[in-house]
């Protein structure tokens, strides 16, 4: 026996919003999550991402708008009628039940016979790499194993959509990396639609087909991980999608799709992205900063802080236009504090952004 999911269920939100009195927890928005993809709702605490997830799950009733799953209007249906499963941050396992009983609980509650439910539960456990652990209690498992039990309990119901609410926040850094890879592999193998909530940018970049960055109860930008990292719409998205130096610049000329941009003594050509001539903001990824000796055409800087990080050196440098954070793979020749340097920019990782 195998455990599967109803692959390819599209989730469509049309004008969906949620208010608590005068406070907008989610401002009316439109969003289409293609079937069989993993889409992450990413943003700081209080931005509306969890409320949006709970509306998809049926745990919150929208104030306005419409939700459809697989072409079926589920806006007013209860959580149990929506054909979705939610994996909670806290795992929410019953401590007095065995692992297999925890996984089978939803099936038995819905009327399935205990023997059939037990077979399905064991198949679900095998699908998440926990074959042979069904008779253990949750307390006898590691945190990562408990998280897999929670995933198996959701998968055994064969949902149209699988929802994750900050699923890895209780795990240490190494286990988070392992579990995020396992969740992604499982989603791709089963072809299930997944909506995943996190505030961890690296987690979102690692698992997602698309990322929806939320801010102040609305969507700031949606796109692929590469689009959001390399072409952020504004300063907020640039800063939230990993490290970014936000530095002042000046657009001096426009030609076709390109702009001539002055950054201190440096001049570069970049896509203008609809910006006019005049003062501008530049988002520069740390890996795009090239550190060399001072010289013509480079931005003079002085090392304020240097940190050995194993694979790279991290530097904070002071310049005439502000502090610059940079990473360098040259760990064999670190620059000392107070060393003078000249900064130039790589071809990628440098982009004009709106304020």
C-alpha atoms as a PDB file:
ATOM      1  CA  UNK A   1       0.000   0.000   0.000  1.00  0.00           C
ATOM      2  CA  UNK A   2       1.192   3.518  -0.786  1.00  0.00           C
ATOM      3  CA  UNK A   3       0.117   6.893   0.480  1.00  0.00           C
ATOM      4  CA  UNK A   4      -0.493   9.599  -2.072  1.00  0.00           C
ATOM      5  CA  UNK A   5      -2.092  13.015  -2.287  1.00  0.00           C
ATOM      6  CA  UNK A   6      -4.536  14.526  -4.738  1.00  0.00           C
ATOM      7  CA  UNK A   7      -1.871  16.058  -6.933  1.00  0.00           C
ATOM      8  CA  UNK A   8      -2.308  19.285  -8.751  1.00  0.00           C
ATOM      9  CA  UNK A   9      -5.077  21.023  -6.787  1.00  0.00           C
ATOM     10  CA  UNK A  10      -4.996  24.730  -7.584  1.00  0.00           C
ATOM     11  CA  UNK A  11      -5.647  27.205  -4.774  1.00  0.00           C
ATOM     12  CA  UNK A  12      -7.233  30.460  -5.913  1.00  0.00           C
ATOM     13  CA  UNK A  13      -7.796  33.475  -3.658  1.00  0.00           C
ATOM     14  CA  UNK A  14      -9.946  36.271  -5.087  1.00  0.00           C
ATOM     15  CA  UNK A  15     -10.245  39.495  -3.128  1.00  0.00           C
ATOM     16  CA  UNK A  16      -9.704  37.566   0.094  1.00  0.00           C
ATOM     17  CA  UNK A  17      -9.408  39.666   3.232  1.00  0.00           C
ATOM     18  CA  UNK A  18      -9.773  39.437   6.996  1.00  0.00           C
ATOM     19  CA  UNK A  19     -10.607  42.176   9.475  1.00  0.00           C
ATOM     20  CA  UNK A  20     -10.886  42.141  13.243  1.00  0.00           C
ATOM     21  CA  UNK A  21     -13.035  45.195  13.843  1.00  0.00           C
ATOM     22  CA  UNK A  22     -11.134  48.162  12.386  1.00  0.00           C
ATOM     23  CA  UNK A  23      -7.860  46.211  12.096  1.00  0.00           C
ATOM     24  CA  UNK A  24      -7.022  44.595   8.735  1.00  0.00           C
ATOM     25  CA  UNK A  25      -5.189  41.333   9.412  1.00  0.00           C
ATOM     26  CA  UNK A  26      -5.157  40.648   5.653  1.00  0.00           C
ATOM     27  CA  UNK A  27      -6.055  43.359   3.170  1.00  0.00           C
ATOM     28  CA  UNK A  28      -8.073  42.146   0.149  1.00  0.00           C
ATOM     29  CA  UNK A  29      -5.689  40.349  -2.200  1.00  0.00           C
ATOM     30  CA  UNK A  30      -5.617  38.010  -5.188  1.00  0.00           C
ATOM     31  CA  UNK A  31      -3.319  35.011  -5.353  1.00  0.00           C
ATOM     32  CA  UNK A  32      -3.200  31.868  -7.491  1.00  0.00           C
ATOM     33  CA  UNK A  33      -1.181  28.885  -6.272  1.00  0.00           C
ATOM     34  CA  UNK A  34      -0.656  26.489  -9.171  1.00  0.00           C
ATOM     35  CA  UNK A  35      -1.394  22.847  -8.575  1.00  0.00           C
ATOM     36  CA  UNK A  36       1.553  20.668  -7.650  1.00  0.00           C
ATOM     37  CA  UNK A  37       3.775  23.567  -6.565  1.00  0.00           C
ATOM     38  CA  UNK A  38       5.229  24.637  -3.233  1.00  0.00           C
ATOM     39  CA  UNK A  39       4.480  28.278  -2.488  1.00  0.00           C
ATOM     40  CA  UNK A  40       5.860  29.983   0.603  1.00  0.00           C
ATOM     41  CA  UNK A  41       4.214  32.863   2.436  1.00  0.00           C
ATOM     42  CA  UNK A  42       7.154  34.795   3.839  1.00  0.00           C
ATOM     43  CA  UNK A  43       7.284  37.855   6.034  1.00  0.00           C
ATOM     44  CA  UNK A  44       7.918  39.276   9.489  1.00  0.00           C
ATOM     45  CA  UNK A  45       5.670  38.642  12.470  1.00  0.00           C
ATOM     46  CA  UNK A  46       2.288  40.328  12.149  1.00  0.00           C
ATOM     47  CA  UNK A  47       2.380  40.666   8.348  1.00  0.00           C
ATOM     48  CA  UNK A  48      -0.710  38.455   7.804  1.00  0.00           C
ATOM     49  CA  UNK A  49       0.883  35.264   6.473  1.00  0.00           C
ATOM     50  CA  UNK A  50      -0.442  32.937   9.178  1.00  0.00           C
ATOM     51  CA  UNK A  51      -3.920  34.461   9.008  1.00  0.00           C
ATOM     52  CA  UNK A  52      -3.915  33.883   5.250  1.00  0.00           C
ATOM     53  CA  UNK A  53      -2.867  30.257   5.767  1.00  0.00           C
ATOM     54  CA  UNK A  54      -5.583  29.742   8.377  1.00  0.00           C
ATOM     55  CA  UNK A  55      -8.203  31.092   5.971  1.00  0.00           C
ATOM     56  CA  UNK A  56      -7.086  28.545   3.367  1.00  0.00           C
ATOM     57  CA  UNK A  57      -7.281  25.851   6.052  1.00  0.00           C
ATOM     58  CA  UNK A  58     -10.783  26.888   7.123  1.00  0.00           C
ATOM     59  CA  UNK A  59      -9.690  27.871  10.639  1.00  0.00           C
ATOM     60  CA  UNK A  60     -10.467  31.538  10.007  1.00  0.00           C
ATOM     61  CA  UNK A  61     -13.527  32.860   8.166  1.00  0.00           C
ATOM     62  CA  UNK A  62     -12.655  35.578   5.627  1.00  0.00           C
ATOM     63  CA  UNK A  63     -14.384  38.912   5.966  1.00  0.00           C
ATOM     64  CA  UNK A  64     -14.525  39.225   2.184  1.00  0.00           C
ATOM     65  CA  UNK A  65     -13.520  37.445  -0.984  1.00  0.00           C
ATOM     66  CA  UNK A  66     -13.555  33.880  -2.256  1.00  0.00           C
ATOM     67  CA  UNK A  67     -11.341  30.799  -1.833  1.00  0.00           C
ATOM     68  CA  UNK A  68     -11.427  27.887  -4.265  1.00  0.00           C
ATOM     69  CA  UNK A  69      -9.446  24.641  -4.113  1.00  0.00           C
ATOM     70  CA  UNK A  70      -9.318  22.452  -7.185  1.00  0.00           C
ATOM     71  CA  UNK A  71     -12.012  24.591  -8.806  1.00  0.00           C
ATOM     72  CA  UNK A  72     -14.422  24.135  -5.867  1.00  0.00           C
ATOM     73  CA  UNK A  73     -15.601  27.129  -3.838  1.00  0.00           C
ATOM     74  CA  UNK A  74     -14.668  26.354  -0.218  1.00  0.00           C
ATOM     75  CA  UNK A  75     -15.052  29.850   1.231  1.00  0.00           C
ATOM     76  CA  UNK A  76     -17.860  28.893   3.613  1.00  0.00           C
ATOM     77  CA  UNK A  77     -16.932  25.242   4.134  1.00  0.00           C
ATOM     78  CA  UNK A  78     -15.562  24.014   7.453  1.00  0.00           C
ATOM     79  CA  UNK A  79     -11.970  22.854   7.820  1.00  0.00           C
ATOM     80  CA  UNK A  80     -13.061  19.221   7.676  1.00  0.00           C
ATOM     81  CA  UNK A  81     -14.843  19.729   4.358  1.00  0.00           C
ATOM     82  CA  UNK A  82     -11.963  21.350   2.480  1.00  0.00           C
ATOM     83  CA  UNK A  83      -9.727  18.359   1.756  1.00  0.00           C
ATOM     84  CA  UNK A  84      -6.672  20.053   3.255  1.00  0.00           C
ATOM     85  CA  UNK A  85      -4.250  19.003   5.993  1.00  0.00           C
ATOM     86  CA  UNK A  86      -2.290  21.336   8.256  1.00  0.00           C
ATOM     87  CA  UNK A  87       1.082  20.582   9.848  1.00  0.00           C
ATOM     88  CA  UNK A  88       1.408  22.714  12.972  1.00  0.00           C
ATOM     89  CA  UNK A  89       4.515  24.313  14.399  1.00  0.00           C
ATOM     90  CA  UNK A  90       4.061  22.426  17.686  1.00  0.00           C
ATOM     91  CA  UNK A  91       3.568  18.944  16.087  1.00  0.00           C
ATOM     92  CA  UNK A  92       0.476  18.476  18.360  1.00  0.00           C
ATOM     93  CA  UNK A  93       1.039  14.724  18.843  1.00  0.00           C
ATOM     94  CA  UNK A  94      -0.925  12.804  21.471  1.00  0.00           C
ATOM     95  CA  UNK A  95       1.692  11.733  24.057  1.00  0.00           C
ATOM     96  CA  UNK A  96      -0.275   8.689  25.268  1.00  0.00           C
ATOM     97  CA  UNK A  97      -0.710   7.210  21.767  1.00  0.00           C
ATOM     98  CA  UNK A  98       1.887   5.350  19.756  1.00  0.00           C
ATOM     99  CA  UNK A  99       3.287   6.937  16.634  1.00  0.00           C
ATOM    100  CA  UNK A 100       1.098   4.728  14.429  1.00  0.00           C
ATOM    101  CA  UNK A 101      -2.005   5.563  16.474  1.00  0.00           C
ATOM    102  CA  UNK A 102      -1.242   9.273  16.133  1.00  0.00           C
ATOM    103  CA  UNK A 103      -1.019   8.949  12.361  1.00  0.00           C
ATOM    104  CA  UNK A 104      -4.180   6.807  12.128  1.00  0.00           C
ATOM    105  CA  UNK A 105      -6.219   9.041  14.429  1.00  0.00           C
ATOM    106  CA  UNK A 106      -7.755  11.220  11.703  1.00  0.00           C
ATOM    107  CA  UNK A 107      -8.742   8.198   9.636  1.00  0.00           C
ATOM    108  CA  UNK A 108     -10.378   6.425  12.572  1.00  0.00           C
ATOM    109  CA  UNK A 109     -12.183   9.629  13.578  1.00  0.00           C
ATOM    110  CA  UNK A 110     -13.616   9.893  10.074  1.00  0.00           C
ATOM    111  CA  UNK A 111     -15.060   6.359  10.285  1.00  0.00           C
ATOM    112  CA  UNK A 112     -12.407   4.151   8.717  1.00  0.00           C
ATOM    113  CA  UNK A 113     -11.931   0.734  10.292  1.00  0.00           C
ATOM    114  CA  UNK A 114      -9.008   0.420  12.689  1.00  0.00           C
ATOM    115  CA  UNK A 115      -7.242  -2.269  10.658  1.00  0.00           C
ATOM    116  CA  UNK A 116      -7.421  -0.330   7.396  1.00  0.00           C
ATOM    117  CA  UNK A 117      -6.407   2.865   9.185  1.00  0.00           C
ATOM    118  CA  UNK A 118      -3.416   1.101  10.756  1.00  0.00           C
ATOM    119  CA  UNK A 119      -2.249  -0.130   7.338  1.00  0.00           C
ATOM    120  CA  UNK A 120      -2.541   3.349   5.889  1.00  0.00           C
ATOM    121  CA  UNK A 121      -0.682   4.803   8.879  1.00  0.00           C
ATOM    122  CA  UNK A 122       2.238   2.409   8.467  1.00  0.00           C
ATOM    123  CA  UNK A 123       2.442   3.254   4.762  1.00  0.00           C
ATOM    124  CA  UNK A 124       2.470   6.964   5.600  1.00  0.00           C
ATOM    125  CA  UNK A 125       5.243   6.453   8.138  1.00  0.00           C
ATOM    126  CA  UNK A 126       7.275   4.555   5.559  1.00  0.00           C
ATOM    127  CA  UNK A 127       6.822   7.403   3.069  1.00  0.00           C
ATOM    128  CA  UNK A 128       8.510   9.831   5.485  1.00  0.00           C
ATOM    129  CA  UNK A 129      11.324   7.447   6.433  1.00  0.00           C
ATOM    130  CA  UNK A 130       9.915   6.203   9.752  1.00  0.00           C
ATOM    131  CA  UNK A 131       9.297   2.598   8.801  1.00  0.00           C
ATOM    132  CA  UNK A 132       9.475   0.369  11.894  1.00  0.00           C
ATOM    133  CA  UNK A 133       8.881   3.130  14.450  1.00  0.00           C
ATOM    134  CA  UNK A 134       5.096   2.894  14.608  1.00  0.00           C
ATOM    135  CA  UNK A 135       4.955   1.336  18.080  1.00  0.00           C
ATOM    136  CA  UNK A 136       7.094   3.973  19.767  1.00  0.00           C
ATOM    137  CA  UNK A 137       5.675   6.845  21.778  1.00  0.00           C
ATOM    138  CA  UNK A 138       6.313  10.412  20.560  1.00  0.00           C
ATOM    139  CA  UNK A 139       8.545  11.022  23.603  1.00  0.00           C
ATOM    140  CA  UNK A 140      10.886   8.305  22.333  1.00  0.00           C
ATOM    141  CA  UNK A 141      11.542  10.169  19.077  1.00  0.00           C
ATOM    142  CA  UNK A 142      13.823  13.075  18.246  1.00  0.00           C
ATOM    143  CA  UNK A 143      12.409  16.461  17.280  1.00  0.00           C
ATOM    144  CA  UNK A 144      13.012  15.766  13.601  1.00  0.00           C
ATOM    145  CA  UNK A 145      11.290  12.400  13.836  1.00  0.00           C
ATOM    146  CA  UNK A 146       8.302  13.965  15.590  1.00  0.00           C
ATOM    147  CA  UNK A 147       8.052  16.484  12.772  1.00  0.00           C
ATOM    148  CA  UNK A 148       7.972  13.623  10.278  1.00  0.00           C
ATOM    149  CA  UNK A 149       5.166  11.984  12.262  1.00  0.00           C
ATOM    150  CA  UNK A 150       3.198  15.229  11.982  1.00  0.00           C
ATOM    151  CA  UNK A 151       3.783  15.223   8.211  1.00  0.00           C
ATOM    152  CA  UNK A 152       2.746  11.566   7.953  1.00  0.00           C
ATOM    153  CA  UNK A 153      -0.441  12.294   9.913  1.00  0.00           C
ATOM    154  CA  UNK A 154      -1.275  15.024   7.385  1.00  0.00           C
ATOM    155  CA  UNK A 155      -0.361  12.913   4.343  1.00  0.00           C
ATOM    156  CA  UNK A 156      -2.368   9.866   5.416  1.00  0.00           C
ATOM    157  CA  UNK A 157      -5.571  11.818   4.781  1.00  0.00           C
ATOM    158  CA  UNK A 158      -4.494  12.203   1.138  1.00  0.00           C
ATOM    159  CA  UNK A 159      -5.274  15.930   1.056  1.00  0.00           C
ATOM    160  CA  UNK A 160      -5.690  18.089  -2.016  1.00  0.00           C
ATOM    161  CA  UNK A 161      -3.505  20.724  -0.349  1.00  0.00           C
ATOM    162  CA  UNK A 162      -0.903  20.365   2.393  1.00  0.00           C
ATOM    163  CA  UNK A 163      -0.340  23.372   4.649  1.00  0.00           C
ATOM    164  CA  UNK A 164       2.727  24.007   6.821  1.00  0.00           C
ATOM    165  CA  UNK A 165       2.722  26.632   9.585  1.00  0.00           C
ATOM    166  CA  UNK A 166       6.326  27.429  10.621  1.00  0.00           C
ATOM    167  CA  UNK A 167       7.076  23.676  10.678  1.00  0.00           C
ATOM    168  CA  UNK A 168      10.797  23.859  11.419  1.00  0.00           C
ATOM    169  CA  UNK A 169      11.041  26.673  13.952  1.00  0.00           C
ATOM    170  CA  UNK A 170      11.465  24.277  16.909  1.00  0.00           C
ATOM    171  CA  UNK A 171      14.458  22.486  15.368  1.00  0.00           C
ATOM    172  CA  UNK A 172      18.150  23.343  15.528  1.00  0.00           C
ATOM    173  CA  UNK A 173      19.885  24.776  12.456  1.00  0.00           C
ATOM    174  CA  UNK A 174      21.369  21.519  11.132  1.00  0.00           C
ATOM    175  CA  UNK A 175      18.111  19.594  11.546  1.00  0.00           C
ATOM    176  CA  UNK A 176      16.170  22.435   9.900  1.00  0.00           C
ATOM    177  CA  UNK A 177      18.313  22.089   6.781  1.00  0.00           C
ATOM    178  CA  UNK A 178      17.774  18.328   6.697  1.00  0.00           C
ATOM    179  CA  UNK A 179      14.015  18.564   7.248  1.00  0.00           C
ATOM    180  CA  UNK A 180      13.463  21.313   4.685  1.00  0.00           C
ATOM    181  CA  UNK A 181      15.203  19.156   2.071  1.00  0.00           C
ATOM    182  CA  UNK A 182      13.028  16.187   3.033  1.00  0.00           C
ATOM    183  CA  UNK A 183       9.826  18.237   2.822  1.00  0.00           C
ATOM    184  CA  UNK A 184      10.796  19.514  -0.619  1.00  0.00           C
ATOM    185  CA  UNK A 185      11.690  16.021  -1.868  1.00  0.00           C
ATOM    186  CA  UNK A 186       8.400  14.643  -0.538  1.00  0.00           C
ATOM    187  CA  UNK A 187       6.370  17.417  -2.169  1.00  0.00           C
ATOM    188  CA  UNK A 188       8.039  16.869  -5.540  1.00  0.00           C
ATOM    189  CA  UNK A 189       7.700  13.090  -5.331  1.00  0.00           C
ATOM    190  CA  UNK A 190       3.984  13.200  -4.480  1.00  0.00           C
ATOM    191  CA  UNK A 191       3.154  16.222  -6.637  1.00  0.00           C
ATOM    192  CA  UNK A 192       0.992  17.666  -3.870  1.00  0.00           C
ATOM    193  CA  UNK A 193       0.204  21.376  -3.649  1.00  0.00           C
ATOM    194  CA  UNK A 194       1.903  22.877  -0.589  1.00  0.00           C
ATOM    195  CA  UNK A 195       1.410  26.270   1.047  1.00  0.00           C
ATOM    196  CA  UNK A 196       4.254  26.881   3.476  1.00  0.00           C
ATOM    197  CA  UNK A 197       4.519  29.683   6.042  1.00  0.00           C
ATOM    198  CA  UNK A 198       7.872  30.802   7.432  1.00  0.00           C
ATOM    199  CA  UNK A 199       9.762  33.933   8.464  1.00  0.00           C
ATOM    200  CA  UNK A 200      13.103  32.307   7.543  1.00  0.00           C
ATOM    201  CA  UNK A 201      14.388  33.621   4.217  1.00  0.00           C
ATOM    202  CA  UNK A 202      16.926  30.835   3.643  1.00  0.00           C
ATOM    203  CA  UNK A 203      14.238  28.240   4.296  1.00  0.00           C
ATOM    204  CA  UNK A 204      11.935  29.903   1.775  1.00  0.00           C
ATOM    205  CA  UNK A 205      14.690  30.096  -0.860  1.00  0.00           C
ATOM    206  CA  UNK A 206      15.547  26.422  -0.387  1.00  0.00           C
ATOM    207  CA  UNK A 207      12.089  24.847  -0.699  1.00  0.00           C
ATOM    208  CA  UNK A 208       9.918  27.105  -2.850  1.00  0.00           C
ATOM    209  CA  UNK A 209       8.731  27.168  -6.434  1.00  0.00           C
ATOM    210  CA  UNK A 210       7.365  30.628  -5.691  1.00  0.00           C
ATOM    211  CA  UNK A 211       7.605  32.976  -2.718  1.00  0.00           C
ATOM    212  CA  UNK A 212       4.973  35.501  -1.655  1.00  0.00           C
ATOM    213  CA  UNK A 213       6.582  38.217   0.495  1.00  0.00           C
ATOM    214  CA  UNK A 214       4.035  39.883   2.762  1.00  0.00           C
ATOM    215  CA  UNK A 215       4.230  43.210   4.561  1.00  0.00           C
ATOM    216  CA  UNK A 216       1.584  45.153   6.494  1.00  0.00           C
ATOM    217  CA  UNK A 217      -1.195  42.624   5.709  1.00  0.00           C
ATOM    218  CA  UNK A 218      -0.645  42.689   1.940  1.00  0.00           C
ATOM    219  CA  UNK A 219       1.591  41.222  -0.745  1.00  0.00           C
ATOM    220  CA  UNK A 220       4.807  43.177  -1.236  1.00  0.00           C
ATOM    221  CA  UNK A 221       6.073  40.983  -4.098  1.00  0.00           C
ATOM    222  CA  UNK A 222       5.552  37.468  -5.460  1.00  0.00           C
ATOM    223  CA  UNK A 223       7.870  35.513  -7.719  1.00  0.00           C
ATOM    224  CA  UNK A 224      10.402  32.728  -7.969  1.00  0.00           C
ATOM    225  CA  UNK A 225      13.223  32.638  -5.406  1.00  0.00           C
ATOM    226  CA  UNK A 226      15.663  33.923  -8.044  1.00  0.00           C
ATOM    227  CA  UNK A 227      13.347  36.791  -9.046  1.00  0.00           C
ATOM    228  CA  UNK A 228      12.892  37.972  -5.493  1.00  0.00           C
ATOM    229  CA  UNK A 229      16.566  37.693  -4.609  1.00  0.00           C
ATOM    230  CA  UNK A 230      17.963  39.207  -7.790  1.00  0.00           C
ATOM    231  CA  UNK A 231      15.155  41.620  -8.729  1.00  0.00           C
ATOM    232  CA  UNK A 232      13.511  42.836  -5.500  1.00  0.00           C
ATOM    233  CA  UNK A 233      10.732  45.356  -6.054  1.00  0.00           C
ATOM    234  CA  UNK A 234      11.727  47.711  -3.259  1.00  0.00           C
ATOM    235  CA  UNK A 235      14.001  48.282  -0.285  1.00  0.00           C
ATOM    236  CA  UNK A 236      11.853  46.144   2.031  1.00  0.00           C
ATOM    237  CA  UNK A 237      11.955  43.061  -0.199  1.00  0.00           C
ATOM    238  CA  UNK A 238      15.663  43.549  -0.908  1.00  0.00           C
ATOM    239  CA  UNK A 239      16.436  43.656   2.797  1.00  0.00           C
ATOM    240  CA  UNK A 240      14.111  40.833   3.736  1.00  0.00           C
ATOM    241  CA  UNK A 241      15.314  38.392   1.070  1.00  0.00           C
ATOM    242  CA  UNK A 242      18.741  37.861   2.578  1.00  0.00           C
ATOM    243  CA  UNK A 243      21.486  40.372   3.295  1.00  0.00           C
ATOM    244  CA  UNK A 244      21.579  43.523   1.190  1.00  0.00           C
ATOM    245  CA  UNK A 245      23.467  46.794   1.328  1.00  0.00           C
ATOM    246  CA  UNK A 246      21.072  49.653   0.593  1.00  0.00           C
ATOM    247  CA  UNK A 247      23.238  52.518  -0.611  1.00  0.00           C
ATOM    248  CA  UNK A 248      22.482  55.932  -2.095  1.00  0.00           C
ATOM    249  CA  UNK A 249      23.112  56.372  -5.800  1.00  0.00           C
ATOM    250  CA  UNK A 250      22.273  58.795  -8.574  1.00  0.00           C
ATOM    251  CA  UNK A 251      20.811  58.024 -11.995  1.00  0.00           C
ATOM    252  CA  UNK A 252      22.471  60.445 -14.395  1.00  0.00           C
ATOM    253  CA  UNK A 253      21.150  59.229 -17.762  1.00  0.00           C
ATOM    254  CA  UNK A 254      18.660  56.828 -19.336  1.00  0.00           C
ATOM    255  CA  UNK A 255      19.104  54.936 -22.618  1.00  0.00           C
ATOM    256  CA  UNK A 256      16.543  52.339 -23.599  1.00  0.00           C
ATOM    257  CA  UNK A 257      16.108  49.954 -20.662  1.00  0.00           C
ATOM    258  CA  UNK A 258      19.371  50.987 -19.033  1.00  0.00           C
ATOM    259  CA  UNK A 259      20.446  53.678 -16.623  1.00  0.00           C
ATOM    260  CA  UNK A 260      23.845  55.201 -15.970  1.00  0.00           C
ATOM    261  CA  UNK A 261      24.275  55.111 -12.200  1.00  0.00           C
ATOM    262  CA  UNK A 262      26.854  56.880 -10.052  1.00  0.00           C
ATOM    263  CA  UNK A 263      27.805  55.295  -6.714  1.00  0.00           C
ATOM    264  CA  UNK A 264      30.349  57.594  -5.158  1.00  0.00           C
ATOM    265  CA  UNK A 265      33.261  57.657  -7.631  1.00  0.00           C
ATOM    266  CA  UNK A 266      32.039  54.539  -9.441  1.00  0.00           C
ATOM    267  CA  UNK A 267      29.808  54.526 -12.530  1.00  0.00           C
ATOM    268  CA  UNK A 268      27.831  51.443 -13.560  1.00  0.00           C
ATOM    269  CA  UNK A 269      25.118  50.634 -16.096  1.00  0.00           C
ATOM    270  CA  UNK A 270      21.996  48.904 -14.751  1.00  0.00           C
ATOM    271  CA  UNK A 271      18.383  48.302 -15.853  1.00  0.00           C
ATOM    272  CA  UNK A 272      16.453  51.415 -14.800  1.00  0.00           C
ATOM    273  CA  UNK A 273      13.327  49.409 -13.794  1.00  0.00           C
ATOM    274  CA  UNK A 274      11.074  52.378 -14.429  1.00  0.00           C
ATOM    275  CA  UNK A 275      13.011  54.832 -12.277  1.00  0.00           C
ATOM    276  CA  UNK A 276      13.720  58.386 -13.454  1.00  0.00           C
ATOM    277  CA  UNK A 277      16.951  60.338 -13.347  1.00  0.00           C
ATOM    278  CA  UNK A 278      17.948  61.724  -9.982  1.00  0.00           C
ATOM    279  CA  UNK A 279      18.544  60.302  -6.516  1.00  0.00           C
ATOM    280  CA  UNK A 280      18.033  56.548  -6.229  1.00  0.00           C
ATOM    281  CA  UNK A 281      18.604  53.561  -3.950  1.00  0.00           C
ATOM    282  CA  UNK A 282      20.815  50.646  -4.848  1.00  0.00           C
ATOM    283  CA  UNK A 283      20.554  47.144  -3.359  1.00  0.00           C
ATOM    284  CA  UNK A 284      23.899  45.342  -3.377  1.00  0.00           C
ATOM    285  CA  UNK A 285      24.258  41.743  -2.213  1.00  0.00           C
ATOM    286  CA  UNK A 286      27.343  41.109  -0.031  1.00  0.00           C
ATOM    287  CA  UNK A 287      28.727  38.573  -2.490  1.00  0.00           C
ATOM    288  CA  UNK A 288      28.569  41.212  -5.261  1.00  0.00           C
ATOM    289  CA  UNK A 289      31.086  43.460  -3.481  1.00  0.00           C
ATOM    290  CA  UNK A 290      34.611  42.911  -4.782  1.00  0.00           C
ATOM    291  CA  UNK A 291      37.378  43.946  -2.367  1.00  0.00           C
ATOM    292  CA  UNK A 292      40.701  44.991  -3.845  1.00  0.00           C
ATOM    293  CA  UNK A 293      43.416  47.577  -3.369  1.00  0.00           C
ATOM    294  CA  UNK A 294      42.446  51.250  -3.557  1.00  0.00           C
ATOM    295  CA  UNK A 295      42.594  52.659  -7.068  1.00  0.00           C
ATOM    296  CA  UNK A 296      40.878  54.758  -9.728  1.00  0.00           C
ATOM    297  CA  UNK A 297      37.248  53.842 -10.365  1.00  0.00           C
ATOM    298  CA  UNK A 298      36.812  52.028  -7.059  1.00  0.00           C
ATOM    299  CA  UNK A 299      35.019  53.146  -3.906  1.00  0.00           C
ATOM    300  CA  UNK A 300      37.581  53.893  -1.157  1.00  0.00           C
ATOM    301  CA  UNK A 301      36.819  52.006   2.052  1.00  0.00           C
ATOM    302  CA  UNK A 302      38.389  50.966   5.354  1.00  0.00           C
ATOM    303  CA  UNK A 303      37.847  47.648   7.130  1.00  0.00           C
ATOM    304  CA  UNK A 304      35.943  48.190  10.365  1.00  0.00           C
ATOM    305  CA  UNK A 305      35.266  44.533  11.194  1.00  0.00           C
ATOM    306  CA  UNK A 306      36.528  41.186   9.867  1.00  0.00           C
ATOM    307  CA  UNK A 307      35.111  37.780  10.818  1.00  0.00           C
ATOM    308  CA  UNK A 308      36.339  34.338   9.788  1.00  0.00           C
ATOM    309  CA  UNK A 309      33.256  32.179   8.973  1.00  0.00           C
ATOM    310  CA  UNK A 310      34.964  29.031   7.725  1.00  0.00           C
ATOM    311  CA  UNK A 311      34.070  29.070   4.030  1.00  0.00           C
ATOM    312  CA  UNK A 312      34.164  32.877   3.709  1.00  0.00           C
ATOM    313  CA  UNK A 313      35.401  36.018   5.374  1.00  0.00           C
ATOM    314  CA  UNK A 314      32.784  38.579   6.363  1.00  0.00           C
ATOM    315  CA  UNK A 315      33.752  42.239   6.298  1.00  0.00           C
ATOM    316  CA  UNK A 316      32.107  45.456   7.362  1.00  0.00           C
ATOM    317  CA  UNK A 317      33.764  48.382   5.632  1.00  0.00           C
ATOM    318  CA  UNK A 318      33.283  52.118   6.093  1.00  0.00           C
ATOM    319  CA  UNK A 319      33.029  54.266   2.964  1.00  0.00           C
ATOM    320  CA  UNK A 320      32.058  57.821   2.090  1.00  0.00           C
ATOM    321  CA  UNK A 321      28.527  56.676   1.148  1.00  0.00           C
ATOM    322  CA  UNK A 322      27.930  54.423   4.154  1.00  0.00           C
ATOM    323  CA  UNK A 323      28.817  51.085   5.714  1.00  0.00           C
ATOM    324  CA  UNK A 324      29.192  48.166   3.303  1.00  0.00           C
ATOM    325  CA  UNK A 325      28.838  44.512   4.267  1.00  0.00           C
ATOM    326  CA  UNK A 326      30.790  42.107   2.045  1.00  0.00           C
ATOM    327  CA  UNK A 327      31.752  38.434   1.931  1.00  0.00           C
ATOM    328  CA  UNK A 328      34.932  37.113   0.363  1.00  0.00           C
ATOM    329  CA  UNK A 329      35.926  33.514  -0.424  1.00  0.00           C
ATOM    330  CA  UNK A 330      39.590  34.426   0.113  1.00  0.00           C
ATOM    331  CA  UNK A 331      39.918  33.105   3.659  1.00  0.00           C
ATOM    332  CA  UNK A 332      43.639  32.484   3.200  1.00  0.00           C
ATOM    333  CA  UNK A 333      44.487  36.183   2.973  1.00  0.00           C
ATOM    334  CA  UNK A 334      42.192  38.041   5.383  1.00  0.00           C
ATOM    335  CA  UNK A 335      42.316  41.810   5.561  1.00  0.00           C
ATOM    336  CA  UNK A 336      43.093  43.247   8.985  1.00  0.00           C
ATOM    337  CA  UNK A 337      40.932  45.819  10.724  1.00  0.00           C
ATOM    338  CA  UNK A 338      41.758  49.379   9.538  1.00  0.00           C
ATOM    339  CA  UNK A 339      43.140  48.116   6.219  1.00  0.00           C
ATOM    340  CA  UNK A 340      42.365  50.369   3.271  1.00  0.00           C
ATOM    341  CA  UNK A 341      40.559  48.839   0.290  1.00  0.00           C
ATOM    342  CA  UNK A 342      38.898  49.712  -2.992  1.00  0.00           C
ATOM    343  CA  UNK A 343      35.439  48.337  -3.646  1.00  0.00           C
ATOM    344  CA  UNK A 344      34.035  47.430  -7.054  1.00  0.00           C
ATOM    345  CA  UNK A 345      30.860  45.576  -8.029  1.00  0.00           C
ATOM    346  CA  UNK A 346      30.135  42.282  -9.771  1.00  0.00           C
ATOM    347  CA  UNK A 347      27.796  42.045 -12.747  1.00  0.00           C
ATOM    348  CA  UNK A 348      25.066  40.283 -10.722  1.00  0.00           C
ATOM    349  CA  UNK A 349      23.613  41.092  -7.334  1.00  0.00           C
ATOM    350  CA  UNK A 350      23.374  44.858  -7.936  1.00  0.00           C
ATOM    351  CA  UNK A 351      19.965  46.356  -8.662  1.00  0.00           C
ATOM    352  CA  UNK A 352      18.088  49.664  -8.474  1.00  0.00           C
ATOM    353  CA  UNK A 353      15.129  49.513  -6.084  1.00  0.00           C
ATOM    354  CA  UNK A 354      12.227  51.716  -5.117  1.00  0.00           C
ATOM    355  CA  UNK A 355      12.236  53.245  -1.658  1.00  0.00           C
END
